[in-house]
Amino acid sequence: QVQLVESGGGLVQPVGSLRLSCAVSGFTFDDYAIAWFRQAFGNDRDGVTCISSRDSRSDVTTYYADSVKGRFTISRDNAKSTVYLQMNRLKPEDTAVYYCAADLVCTTVADDMDYWGKGTLVTVSS
């Protein structure tokens, strides 16, 4: 059974930090790229970042939306089948439900994703 389970969300003050985790099971994690999306209340689900699978030299490719570039960092631990999203200098506009999703290529097009988690809520507020 395919599962992507997000964790690490919560309430944080502006300019604070959070680290989200996405634990994967049920498919070959090493073969898949993982992306993070977010959906604020009343808005569409937007792509935030993605990380490719490792190539033959164990390198990965990453992509970041302009709104998070320089503040968010995505990483993966293949031994733990987990992807992390380190979020620094958080802003109130980062408040959303954050979802991880899997596809064979690094993409932040929601319709392209093969598998989805159920999300974790991040609230940035003083």
Protein backbone atom coordinates (compact mmCIF):
# COMPACT_ATOMS: atom_id res chain seq x y z
CA GLN A 1 0.00 0.00 0.00
CA VAL A 2 1.39 3.36 -1.07
CA GLN A 3 1.72 5.86 1.74
CA LEU A 4 3.16 9.34 1.99
CA VAL A 5 2.88 10.69 5.51
CA GLU A 6 3.69 14.30 6.28
CA SER A 7 4.66 15.48 9.74
CA GLY A 8 6.22 18.48 11.45
CA GLY A 9 3.55 21.09 10.89
CA GLY A 10 2.36 23.42 13.60
CA LEU A 11 2.16 27.01 14.78
CA VAL A 12 5.25 29.16 14.44
CA GLN A 13 5.89 32.87 14.78
CA PRO A 14 6.99 34.98 11.81
CA VAL A 15 10.71 34.63 10.96
CA GLY A 16 10.70 31.28 12.79
CA SER A 17 11.56 27.87 11.35
CA LEU A 18 9.94 24.47 10.91
CA ARG A 19 11.08 21.21 9.36
CA LEU A 20 8.52 19.07 7.61
CA SER A 21 9.04 15.38 6.90
CA CYS A 22 7.47 13.14 4.27
CA ALA A 23 7.85 9.44 5.05
CA VAL A 24 7.26 7.18 2.06
CA SER A 25 6.36 3.50 1.79
CA GLY A 26 4.76 1.17 -0.73
CA PHE A 27 6.88 2.02 -3.78
CA THR A 28 10.56 2.24 -4.69
CA PHE A 29 11.48 5.54 -3.08
CA ASP A 30 14.86 5.76 -4.80
CA ASP A 31 13.20 5.85 -8.25
CA TYR A 32 10.86 8.74 -7.50
CA ALA A 33 11.11 12.50 -7.32
CA ILE A 34 9.25 14.09 -4.43
CA ALA A 35 7.56 17.47 -4.43
CA TRP A 36 5.97 19.70 -1.83
CA PHE A 37 2.80 21.59 -2.54
CA ARG A 38 0.81 23.93 -0.35
CA GLN A 39 -2.78 25.07 -0.29
CA ALA A 40 -3.94 28.07 1.64
CA PHE A 41 -7.62 28.43 2.53
CA GLY A 42 -9.61 29.33 -0.58
CA ASN A 43 -6.62 29.06 -2.89
CA ASP A 44 -5.39 26.55 -5.43
CA ARG A 45 -2.76 23.98 -4.56
CA ASP A 46 0.61 25.46 -5.54
CA GLY A 47 3.92 23.75 -6.13
CA VAL A 48 6.64 24.82 -3.71
CA THR A 49 9.67 22.67 -4.42
CA CYS A 50 10.76 19.29 -5.75
CA ILE A 51 13.79 17.04 -5.56
CA SER A 52 14.71 14.46 -8.18
CA SER A 53 15.81 10.91 -7.63
CA ARG A 54 19.55 10.42 -7.41
CA ASP A 55 21.39 9.97 -10.69
CA SER A 56 24.29 7.61 -11.35
CA ARG A 57 26.65 9.97 -9.51
CA SER A 58 24.24 10.25 -6.58
CA ASP A 59 23.46 13.87 -7.47
CA VAL A 60 19.98 15.35 -7.24
CA THR A 61 18.24 18.23 -8.96
CA THR A 62 16.06 20.62 -7.04
CA TYR A 63 13.55 23.28 -7.98
CA TYR A 64 12.08 26.07 -5.84
CA ALA A 65 9.23 28.46 -6.45
CA ASP A 66 10.34 32.09 -6.36
CA SER A 67 8.26 32.71 -3.26
CA VAL A 68 10.38 30.32 -1.17
CA LYS A 69 13.78 30.48 -2.85
CA GLY A 70 16.51 31.21 -0.33
CA ARG A 71 14.26 30.37 2.63
CA PHE A 72 13.23 26.74 2.07
CA THR A 73 15.51 23.75 1.49
CA ILE A 74 14.42 20.33 0.30
CA SER A 75 16.50 17.21 0.94
CA ARG A 76 16.09 13.45 0.83
CA ASP A 77 17.41 10.51 2.82
CA ASN A 78 17.06 7.39 0.71
CA ALA A 79 18.07 5.14 3.61
CA LYS A 80 15.02 6.39 5.53
CA SER A 81 12.71 6.82 2.52
CA THR A 82 12.06 10.33 3.75
CA VAL A 83 12.10 13.80 2.25
CA TYR A 84 12.54 16.89 4.39
CA LEU A 85 11.49 20.49 3.89
CA GLN A 86 13.44 22.93 6.04
CA MET A 87 11.52 26.20 6.19
CA ASN A 88 13.29 29.28 7.55
CA ARG A 89 12.30 32.93 7.89
CA LEU A 90 8.66 31.96 7.71
CA LYS A 91 6.07 34.57 6.78
CA PRO A 92 2.33 34.72 7.47
CA GLU A 93 1.73 34.11 3.77
CA ASP A 94 3.41 30.71 4.14
CA THR A 95 0.40 29.58 6.16
CA ALA A 96 -1.15 26.60 4.36
CA VAL A 97 -1.65 22.87 4.37
CA TYR A 98 1.56 21.35 3.02
CA TYR A 99 1.39 18.16 0.95
CA CYS A 100 4.14 15.92 -0.37
CA ALA A 101 3.66 14.04 -3.60
CA ALA A 102 5.63 11.63 -5.79
CA ASP A 103 6.31 11.38 -9.50
CA LEU A 104 9.06 9.84 -11.59
CA VAL A 105 10.33 13.30 -12.55
CA CYS A 106 10.90 16.48 -10.55
CA THR A 107 7.82 18.54 -11.25
CA THR A 108 5.48 20.84 -9.37
CA VAL A 109 2.51 20.34 -11.67
CA ALA A 110 -0.12 18.86 -9.41
CA ASP A 111 -1.90 16.94 -12.17
CA ASP A 112 1.32 15.07 -12.98
CA MET A 113 1.83 13.57 -9.53
CA ASP A 114 1.30 9.84 -9.05
CA TYR A 115 0.89 9.69 -5.27
CA TRP A 116 -0.12 12.16 -2.56
CA GLY A 117 0.03 12.49 1.18
CA LYS A 118 -2.81 13.88 3.27
CA GLY A 119 -1.08 17.05 4.34
CA THR A 120 0.14 18.84 7.44
CA LEU A 121 -0.96 22.31 8.54
CA VAL A 122 1.58 25.09 8.95
CA THR A 123 0.38 28.28 10.60
CA VAL A 124 2.64 31.32 10.75
CA SER A 125 1.25 33.85 13.18
CA SER A 126 2.23 35.98 16.12
